[in-house]
Amino acid sequence: MKKLLINNRGILLELDKFATQVLQHPSTFSYYPLPNVTMARLKEVMDADDGTMEESNSVDYSGREWITNEYLHYSNLDPKWRMKGLRKSFNQAVPCSSKYMFLDWLKKKTYNEAWEMDTWEIQPEKYGWTPWHSGKNKPINFVRFIWNSGVGITHYVDNKKHYKYKDSKYTGQKCWNCLVGKLDGRQYLADQNTGKHKRIVIQFSLPSRYDRAVDEFVSLIQTGNSPLVGTPVDIAEDRTAWL
């Protein structure tokens, strides 16, 4: 696994949207089960070698269809709504489409339709965590983005070597870290939020046989240094503005 700097300002902007959406969405957190990312627990997982992943206390939105609490507000003074006989103000919820726009852009730029966002989770402060897992039942290449204004760590074991990647603060990175690696049953990953603030983990993945598409994404992350320009509509119509 390797750690990257995120030079693409457009990607940083989209990551900020993803983080904002889950931070603003009403959630109830449990601090149990407590984190267990010890080497003793890893040995148990390796001995079992069944590819399962135990329960954690994070809230994952990657597989959910949900709407944000960012609302469009219409006043009863608006002639368009007065014509419909509406006398009271009301809010219209906005569908959460940022995920699909980003995936569409990523698939086109890397010429690979297999990309998915398999993790979009928020971890509670101090006790949030991801259990040890190996990807044995679903081998993947992954690009993992972590937002943390506090303290956290990612553990990665490959070829009997244990690597630790602390959540770092880089100038211009907006508290974002990027980790790129593989989980095909031979590597193991776990992470933990140990700080006083919530931690966001967003992971894009595709089957482990696709290495070139990951290299293309890495190139976009590192070399696309122009900011997003235009309105959200412009961006949706022309994602080439990201580069």
C-alpha atoms as a PDB file:
ATOM      1  CA  MET A   1       0.000   0.000   0.000  1.00  0.00           C
ATOM      2  CA  LYS A   2       1.163   3.540  -0.652  1.00  0.00           C
ATOM      3  CA  LYS A   3       0.123   6.975   0.518  1.00  0.00           C
ATOM      4  CA  LEU A   4      -0.549   9.773  -1.983  1.00  0.00           C
ATOM      5  CA  LEU A   5      -0.889  13.530  -1.939  1.00  0.00           C
ATOM      6  CA  ILE A   6      -4.134  14.724  -3.550  1.00  0.00           C
ATOM      7  CA  ASN A   7      -3.174  17.425  -6.046  1.00  0.00           C
ATOM      8  CA  ASN A   8      -6.425  17.418  -7.989  1.00  0.00           C
ATOM      9  CA  ARG A   9      -8.471  20.284  -6.542  1.00  0.00           C
ATOM     10  CA  GLY A  10     -11.648  19.062  -8.195  1.00  0.00           C
ATOM     11  CA  ILE A  11     -11.388  15.690  -6.475  1.00  0.00           C
ATOM     12  CA  LEU A  12     -10.818  17.436  -3.146  1.00  0.00           C
ATOM     13  CA  LEU A  13     -13.970  19.477  -3.694  1.00  0.00           C
ATOM     14  CA  GLU A  14     -16.011  16.360  -4.404  1.00  0.00           C
ATOM     15  CA  LEU A  15     -14.567  14.579  -1.377  1.00  0.00           C
ATOM     16  CA  ASP A  16     -15.596  17.565   0.732  1.00  0.00           C
ATOM     17  CA  LYS A  17     -19.161  17.130  -0.580  1.00  0.00           C
ATOM     18  CA  PHE A  18     -19.171  13.447   0.376  1.00  0.00           C
ATOM     19  CA  ALA A  19     -17.883  14.235   3.866  1.00  0.00           C
ATOM     20  CA  THR A  20     -20.364  17.072   4.366  1.00  0.00           C
ATOM     21  CA  GLN A  21     -23.298  14.900   3.343  1.00  0.00           C
ATOM     22  CA  VAL A  22     -22.629  12.190   5.930  1.00  0.00           C
ATOM     23  CA  LEU A  23     -21.659  14.670   8.646  1.00  0.00           C
ATOM     24  CA  GLN A  24     -24.932  16.574   8.193  1.00  0.00           C
ATOM     25  CA  HIS A  25     -27.112  13.493   7.888  1.00  0.00           C
ATOM     26  CA  PRO A  26     -28.822  12.651  11.210  1.00  0.00           C
ATOM     27  CA  SER A  27     -27.134   9.581  12.700  1.00  0.00           C
ATOM     28  CA  THR A  28     -27.139   7.664  15.966  1.00  0.00           C
ATOM     29  CA  PHE A  29     -23.751   6.287  16.968  1.00  0.00           C
ATOM     30  CA  SER A  30     -22.809   3.447  19.258  1.00  0.00           C
ATOM     31  CA  TYR A  31     -19.368   3.111  20.772  1.00  0.00           C
ATOM     32  CA  TYR A  32     -19.766  -0.676  20.821  1.00  0.00           C
ATOM     33  CA  PRO A  33     -18.349  -2.998  19.754  1.00  0.00           C
ATOM     34  CA  LEU A  34     -15.127  -1.435  20.959  1.00  0.00           C
ATOM     35  CA  PRO A  35     -12.163  -1.370  18.546  1.00  0.00           C
ATOM     36  CA  ASN A  36     -10.028  -4.473  18.302  1.00  0.00           C
ATOM     37  CA  VAL A  37      -7.229  -3.960  15.775  1.00  0.00           C
ATOM     38  CA  THR A  38      -4.561  -5.766  17.783  1.00  0.00           C
ATOM     39  CA  MET A  39      -2.089  -8.256  16.371  1.00  0.00           C
ATOM     40  CA  ALA A  40      -3.719 -10.945  18.521  1.00  0.00           C
ATOM     41  CA  ARG A  41      -7.043 -10.304  16.796  1.00  0.00           C
ATOM     42  CA  LEU A  42      -5.318 -10.331  13.398  1.00  0.00           C
ATOM     43  CA  LYS A  43      -3.882 -13.774  14.171  1.00  0.00           C
ATOM     44  CA  GLU A  44      -7.382 -15.035  14.965  1.00  0.00           C
ATOM     45  CA  VAL A  45      -8.674 -13.650  11.665  1.00  0.00           C
ATOM     46  CA  MET A  46      -5.768 -15.187   9.753  1.00  0.00           C
ATOM     47  CA  ASP A  47      -6.259 -18.554  11.435  1.00  0.00           C
ATOM     48  CA  ALA A  48      -9.981 -18.531  10.587  1.00  0.00           C
ATOM     49  CA  ASP A  49      -9.186 -17.499   6.980  1.00  0.00           C
ATOM     50  CA  ASP A  50     -12.870 -17.372   6.046  1.00  0.00           C
ATOM     51  CA  GLY A  51     -12.963 -13.896   4.505  1.00  0.00           C
ATOM     52  CA  THR A  52     -15.646 -12.632   6.875  1.00  0.00           C
ATOM     53  CA  MET A  53     -15.578  -9.184   8.458  1.00  0.00           C
ATOM     54  CA  GLU A  54     -16.832  -8.617  11.993  1.00  0.00           C
ATOM     55  CA  GLU A  55     -19.237  -5.894  12.980  1.00  0.00           C
ATOM     56  CA  SER A  56     -17.964  -2.418  13.827  1.00  0.00           C
ATOM     57  CA  ASN A  57     -19.632   0.760  15.078  1.00  0.00           C
ATOM     58  CA  SER A  58     -19.233   2.834  11.907  1.00  0.00           C
ATOM     59  CA  VAL A  59     -22.234   4.001   9.863  1.00  0.00           C
ATOM     60  CA  ASP A  60     -21.798   3.193   6.158  1.00  0.00           C
ATOM     61  CA  TYR A  61     -23.865   4.957   3.491  1.00  0.00           C
ATOM     62  CA  SER A  62     -22.267   3.387   0.409  1.00  0.00           C
ATOM     63  CA  GLY A  63     -25.131   0.983  -0.254  1.00  0.00           C
ATOM     64  CA  ARG A  64     -27.957   3.297   0.737  1.00  0.00           C
ATOM     65  CA  GLU A  65     -30.329   5.383  -1.336  1.00  0.00           C
ATOM     66  CA  TRP A  66     -30.825   8.496   0.707  1.00  0.00           C
ATOM     67  CA  ILE A  67     -31.380  12.223   0.449  1.00  0.00           C
ATOM     68  CA  THR A  68     -29.440  15.010   2.072  1.00  0.00           C
ATOM     69  CA  ASN A  69     -30.760  17.533   4.532  1.00  0.00           C
ATOM     70  CA  GLU A  70     -29.709  20.301   2.180  1.00  0.00           C
ATOM     71  CA  TYR A  71     -33.049  21.739   1.198  1.00  0.00           C
ATOM     72  CA  LEU A  72     -34.425  23.981  -1.506  1.00  0.00           C
ATOM     73  CA  HIS A  73     -36.673  26.499   0.197  1.00  0.00           C
ATOM     74  CA  TYR A  74     -39.726  27.868  -1.596  1.00  0.00           C
ATOM     75  CA  SER A  75     -41.603  30.833  -0.158  1.00  0.00           C
ATOM     76  CA  ASN A  76     -45.320  31.388  -0.443  1.00  0.00           C
ATOM     77  CA  LEU A  77     -44.319  34.711  -2.019  1.00  0.00           C
ATOM     78  CA  ASP A  78     -42.885  32.906  -5.035  1.00  0.00           C
ATOM     79  CA  PRO A  79     -45.392  33.428  -7.905  1.00  0.00           C
ATOM     80  CA  LYS A  80     -44.617  29.982  -9.300  1.00  0.00           C
ATOM     81  CA  TRP A  81     -45.899  28.341  -6.135  1.00  0.00           C
ATOM     82  CA  ARG A  82     -48.743  30.838  -5.552  1.00  0.00           C
ATOM     83  CA  MET A  83     -50.176  29.728  -8.903  1.00  0.00           C
ATOM     84  CA  LYS A  84     -50.386  26.195  -7.544  1.00  0.00           C
ATOM     85  CA  GLY A  85     -52.423  27.333  -4.582  1.00  0.00           C
ATOM     86  CA  LEU A  86     -49.652  26.733  -2.050  1.00  0.00           C
ATOM     87  CA  ARG A  87     -49.965  29.086   0.883  1.00  0.00           C
ATOM     88  CA  LYS A  88     -47.317  27.777   3.226  1.00  0.00           C
ATOM     89  CA  SER A  89     -43.561  27.594   2.843  1.00  0.00           C
ATOM     90  CA  PHE A  90     -42.070  24.119   2.574  1.00  0.00           C
ATOM     91  CA  ASN A  91     -38.800  22.347   1.963  1.00  0.00           C
ATOM     92  CA  GLN A  92     -37.984  20.014  -0.898  1.00  0.00           C
ATOM     93  CA  ALA A  93     -35.275  17.474  -0.153  1.00  0.00           C
ATOM     94  CA  VAL A  94     -32.396  17.240  -2.600  1.00  0.00           C
ATOM     95  CA  PRO A  95     -31.470  13.753  -3.934  1.00  0.00           C
ATOM     96  CA  CYS A  96     -27.893  12.747  -3.226  1.00  0.00           C
ATOM     97  CA  SER A  97     -26.430  12.440  -6.751  1.00  0.00           C
ATOM     98  CA  SER A  98     -22.792  13.389  -6.113  1.00  0.00           C
ATOM     99  CA  LYS A  99     -21.772   9.742  -5.716  1.00  0.00           C
ATOM    100  CA  TYR A 100     -23.150   8.750  -9.114  1.00  0.00           C
ATOM    101  CA  MET A 101     -21.666  11.774 -10.863  1.00  0.00           C
ATOM    102  CA  PHE A 102     -18.235  11.020  -9.463  1.00  0.00           C
ATOM    103  CA  LEU A 103     -18.428   7.319 -10.368  1.00  0.00           C
ATOM    104  CA  ASP A 104     -19.558   8.176 -13.883  1.00  0.00           C
ATOM    105  CA  TRP A 105     -16.598  10.533 -14.291  1.00  0.00           C
ATOM    106  CA  LEU A 106     -14.161   7.993 -12.837  1.00  0.00           C
ATOM    107  CA  LYS A 107     -15.356   5.186 -15.103  1.00  0.00           C
ATOM    108  CA  LYS A 108     -15.013   7.357 -18.192  1.00  0.00           C
ATOM    109  CA  LYS A 109     -11.588   8.707 -17.288  1.00  0.00           C
ATOM    110  CA  THR A 110     -10.106   5.285 -16.516  1.00  0.00           C
ATOM    111  CA  TYR A 111     -12.004   3.389 -19.249  1.00  0.00           C
ATOM    112  CA  ASN A 112     -13.329   0.890 -16.720  1.00  0.00           C
ATOM    113  CA  GLU A 113     -16.963   0.334 -15.747  1.00  0.00           C
ATOM    114  CA  ALA A 114     -16.147  -1.883 -12.764  1.00  0.00           C
ATOM    115  CA  TRP A 115     -15.529   0.939 -10.261  1.00  0.00           C
ATOM    116  CA  GLU A 116     -17.778   1.166  -7.238  1.00  0.00           C
ATOM    117  CA  MET A 117     -17.874   3.136  -4.012  1.00  0.00           C
ATOM    118  CA  ASP A 118     -17.896   0.279  -1.509  1.00  0.00           C
ATOM    119  CA  THR A 119     -17.275   2.387   1.598  1.00  0.00           C
ATOM    120  CA  TRP A 120     -18.758   5.762   2.530  1.00  0.00           C
ATOM    121  CA  GLU A 121     -18.729   5.687   6.279  1.00  0.00           C
ATOM    122  CA  ILE A 122     -18.543   7.919   9.275  1.00  0.00           C
ATOM    123  CA  GLN A 123     -16.709   6.693  12.361  1.00  0.00           C
ATOM    124  CA  PRO A 124     -17.512   7.987  15.859  1.00  0.00           C
ATOM    125  CA  GLU A 125     -14.854   9.920  17.697  1.00  0.00           C
ATOM    126  CA  LYS A 126     -12.314   7.958  19.752  1.00  0.00           C
ATOM    127  CA  TYR A 127     -13.868   4.499  19.233  1.00  0.00           C
ATOM    128  CA  GLY A 128     -14.672   4.390  15.509  1.00  0.00           C
ATOM    129  CA  TRP A 129     -12.943   1.594  13.619  1.00  0.00           C
ATOM    130  CA  THR A 130     -12.786  -0.838  10.702  1.00  0.00           C
ATOM    131  CA  PRO A 131     -12.101  -4.497  11.666  1.00  0.00           C
ATOM    132  CA  TRP A 132      -9.344  -6.605  10.147  1.00  0.00           C
ATOM    133  CA  HIS A 133     -10.307  -7.912   6.705  1.00  0.00           C
ATOM    134  CA  SER A 134      -8.503  -9.432   3.756  1.00  0.00           C
ATOM    135  CA  GLY A 135     -10.801  -9.243   0.755  1.00  0.00           C
ATOM    136  CA  LYS A 136     -10.571 -13.008   0.303  1.00  0.00           C
ATOM    137  CA  ASN A 137     -14.194 -13.348  -0.792  1.00  0.00           C
ATOM    138  CA  LYS A 138     -14.026 -10.278  -3.025  1.00  0.00           C
ATOM    139  CA  PRO A 139     -10.441  -9.467  -4.137  1.00  0.00           C
ATOM    140  CA  ILE A 140     -10.075  -5.762  -4.910  1.00  0.00           C
ATOM    141  CA  ASN A 141      -7.755  -2.927  -5.744  1.00  0.00           C
ATOM    142  CA  PHE A 142      -8.754   0.084  -3.680  1.00  0.00           C
ATOM    143  CA  VAL A 143      -8.274   3.825  -3.450  1.00  0.00           C
ATOM    144  CA  ARG A 144      -9.160   4.866   0.093  1.00  0.00           C
ATOM    145  CA  PHE A 145      -9.760   8.496   1.097  1.00  0.00           C
ATOM    146  CA  ILE A 146      -9.753   9.405   4.803  1.00  0.00           C
ATOM    147  CA  TRP A 147     -10.855  12.720   6.277  1.00  0.00           C
ATOM    148  CA  ASN A 148      -9.867  13.366   9.868  1.00  0.00           C
ATOM    149  CA  SER A 149      -9.247  16.652  11.619  1.00  0.00           C
ATOM    150  CA  GLY A 150      -8.196  14.648  14.665  1.00  0.00           C
ATOM    151  CA  VAL A 151      -6.093  11.515  15.087  1.00  0.00           C
ATOM    152  CA  GLY A 152      -6.371   8.088  13.474  1.00  0.00           C
ATOM    153  CA  ILE A 153      -4.346   5.241  12.038  1.00  0.00           C
ATOM    154  CA  THR A 154      -4.603   2.623   9.289  1.00  0.00           C
ATOM    155  CA  HIS A 155      -2.945  -0.782   9.740  1.00  0.00           C
ATOM    156  CA  TYR A 156      -1.909  -2.814   6.698  1.00  0.00           C
ATOM    157  CA  VAL A 157      -0.215  -6.203   6.744  1.00  0.00           C
ATOM    158  CA  ASP A 158       1.397  -7.563   3.589  1.00  0.00           C
ATOM    159  CA  ASN A 159       3.964 -10.351   3.239  1.00  0.00           C
ATOM    160  CA  LYS A 160       4.223 -10.594   7.049  1.00  0.00           C
ATOM    161  CA  LYS A 161       5.155  -6.916   7.333  1.00  0.00           C
ATOM    162  CA  HIS A 162       3.042  -4.536   9.403  1.00  0.00           C
ATOM    163  CA  TYR A 163       2.675  -0.984   8.064  1.00  0.00           C
ATOM    164  CA  LYS A 164       1.114   1.891   9.993  1.00  0.00           C
ATOM    165  CA  TYR A 165      -0.230   4.986   8.229  1.00  0.00           C
ATOM    166  CA  LYS A 166      -1.212   7.836  10.516  1.00  0.00           C
ATOM    167  CA  ASP A 167      -3.874  10.332   9.459  1.00  0.00           C
ATOM    168  CA  SER A 168      -1.685  13.284   8.495  1.00  0.00           C
ATOM    169  CA  LYS A 169      -2.291  16.978   7.971  1.00  0.00           C
ATOM    170  CA  TYR A 170      -0.858  18.326   4.724  1.00  0.00           C
ATOM    171  CA  THR A 171      -0.979  21.912   3.514  1.00  0.00           C
ATOM    172  CA  GLY A 172      -3.783  22.226   0.977  1.00  0.00           C
ATOM    173  CA  GLN A 173      -5.167  18.722   1.616  1.00  0.00           C
ATOM    174  CA  LYS A 174      -8.111  19.763   3.833  1.00  0.00           C
ATOM    175  CA  CYS A 175      -7.368  16.973   6.347  1.00  0.00           C
ATOM    176  CA  TRP A 176      -7.611  14.349   3.579  1.00  0.00           C
ATOM    177  CA  ASN A 177      -5.340  11.323   3.219  1.00  0.00           C
ATOM    178  CA  CYS A 178      -5.254   8.899   0.295  1.00  0.00           C
ATOM    179  CA  LEU A 179      -4.163   5.248   0.498  1.00  0.00           C
ATOM    180  CA  VAL A 180      -3.893   2.952  -2.528  1.00  0.00           C
ATOM    181  CA  GLY A 181      -3.493  -0.798  -2.234  1.00  0.00           C
ATOM    182  CA  LYS A 182      -4.756  -4.321  -2.821  1.00  0.00           C
ATOM    183  CA  LEU A 183      -6.779  -6.811  -0.780  1.00  0.00           C
ATOM    184  CA  ASP A 184      -6.853 -10.226  -2.436  1.00  0.00           C
ATOM    185  CA  GLY A 185      -6.777 -12.533   0.584  1.00  0.00           C
ATOM    186  CA  ARG A 186      -3.055 -12.162   1.178  1.00  0.00           C
ATOM    187  CA  GLN A 187      -3.141  -8.677   2.727  1.00  0.00           C
ATOM    188  CA  TYR A 188      -5.040  -7.441   5.782  1.00  0.00           C
ATOM    189  CA  LEU A 189      -6.320  -3.958   6.624  1.00  0.00           C
ATOM    190  CA  ALA A 190      -7.861  -2.339   9.696  1.00  0.00           C
ATOM    191  CA  ASP A 191      -8.125   1.229  10.919  1.00  0.00           C
ATOM    192  CA  GLN A 192      -9.162   3.225  13.960  1.00  0.00           C
ATOM    193  CA  ASN A 193     -10.250   6.718  14.880  1.00  0.00           C
ATOM    194  CA  THR A 194      -8.516   7.676  18.120  1.00  0.00           C
ATOM    195  CA  GLY A 195      -9.179  11.425  18.150  1.00  0.00           C
ATOM    196  CA  LYS A 196     -11.896  13.741  19.409  1.00  0.00           C
ATOM    197  CA  HIS A 197     -13.570  14.263  16.029  1.00  0.00           C
ATOM    198  CA  LYS A 198     -15.547  12.060  13.694  1.00  0.00           C
ATOM    199  CA  ARG A 199     -13.620  10.371  10.879  1.00  0.00           C
ATOM    200  CA  ILE A 200     -14.798   9.807   7.295  1.00  0.00           C
ATOM    201  CA  VAL A 201     -13.639   6.856   5.174  1.00  0.00           C
ATOM    202  CA  ILE A 202     -14.502   6.746   1.453  1.00  0.00           C
ATOM    203  CA  GLN A 203     -13.240   3.869  -0.653  1.00  0.00           C
ATOM    204  CA  PHE A 204     -13.444   3.276  -4.389  1.00  0.00           C
ATOM    205  CA  SER A 205     -12.639  -0.239  -5.542  1.00  0.00           C
ATOM    206  CA  LEU A 206     -12.689  -2.603  -8.504  1.00  0.00           C
ATOM    207  CA  PRO A 207     -11.692  -6.258  -9.002  1.00  0.00           C
ATOM    208  CA  SER A 208      -8.028  -6.889  -8.254  1.00  0.00           C
ATOM    209  CA  ARG A 209      -7.231  -7.920 -11.837  1.00  0.00           C
ATOM    210  CA  TYR A 210      -7.632  -4.312 -12.999  1.00  0.00           C
ATOM    211  CA  ASP A 211      -4.304  -2.654 -12.232  1.00  0.00           C
ATOM    212  CA  ARG A 212      -4.183  -0.202 -15.119  1.00  0.00           C
ATOM    213  CA  ALA A 213      -7.416   1.547 -14.139  1.00  0.00           C
ATOM    214  CA  VAL A 214      -6.002   2.130 -10.656  1.00  0.00           C
ATOM    215  CA  ASP A 215      -2.842   3.597 -12.166  1.00  0.00           C
ATOM    216  CA  GLU A 216      -5.023   5.935 -14.245  1.00  0.00           C
ATOM    217  CA  PHE A 217      -6.903   7.063 -11.129  1.00  0.00           C
ATOM    218  CA  VAL A 218      -3.640   7.589  -9.259  1.00  0.00           C
ATOM    219  CA  SER A 219      -2.414   9.768 -12.126  1.00  0.00           C
ATOM    220  CA  LEU A 220      -5.595  11.855 -11.949  1.00  0.00           C
ATOM    221  CA  ILE A 221      -5.192  12.276  -8.196  1.00  0.00           C
ATOM    222  CA  GLN A 222      -1.563  13.348  -8.418  1.00  0.00           C
ATOM    223  CA  THR A 223      -1.404  15.418 -11.593  1.00  0.00           C
ATOM    224  CA  GLY A 224      -4.833  16.952 -12.111  1.00  0.00           C
ATOM    225  CA  ASN A 225      -4.134  20.219 -10.352  1.00  0.00           C
ATOM    226  CA  SER A 226      -6.753  22.545 -11.855  1.00  0.00           C
ATOM    227  CA  PRO A 227      -9.755  23.500  -9.706  1.00  0.00           C
ATOM    228  CA  LEU A 228     -13.330  22.738 -10.617  1.00  0.00           C
ATOM    229  CA  VAL A 229     -14.873  25.667 -12.445  1.00  0.00           C
ATOM    230  CA  GLY A 230     -18.413  26.670 -13.283  1.00  0.00           C
ATOM    231  CA  THR A 231     -21.751  25.854 -11.722  1.00  0.00           C
ATOM    232  CA  PRO A 232     -22.774  22.385 -10.547  1.00  0.00           C
ATOM    233  CA  VAL A 233     -24.724  22.013 -13.797  1.00  0.00           C
ATOM    234  CA  ASP A 234     -21.640  22.872 -15.846  1.00  0.00           C
ATOM    235  CA  ILE A 235     -19.631  20.303 -13.919  1.00  0.00           C
ATOM    236  CA  ALA A 236     -22.236  17.613 -14.398  1.00  0.00           C
ATOM    237  CA  GLU A 237     -22.271  18.236 -18.152  1.00  0.00           C
ATOM    238  CA  ASP A 238     -18.523  18.596 -18.598  1.00  0.00           C
ATOM    239  CA  ARG A 239     -16.390  16.689 -16.150  1.00  0.00           C
ATOM    240  CA  THR A 240     -13.292  17.488 -18.176  1.00  0.00           C
ATOM    241  CA  ALA A 241     -13.216  20.687 -16.108  1.00  0.00           C
ATOM    242  CA  TRP A 242     -11.647  18.552 -13.386  1.00  0.00           C
ATOM    243  CA  LEU A 243      -8.303  18.436 -15.166  1.00  0.00           C
END
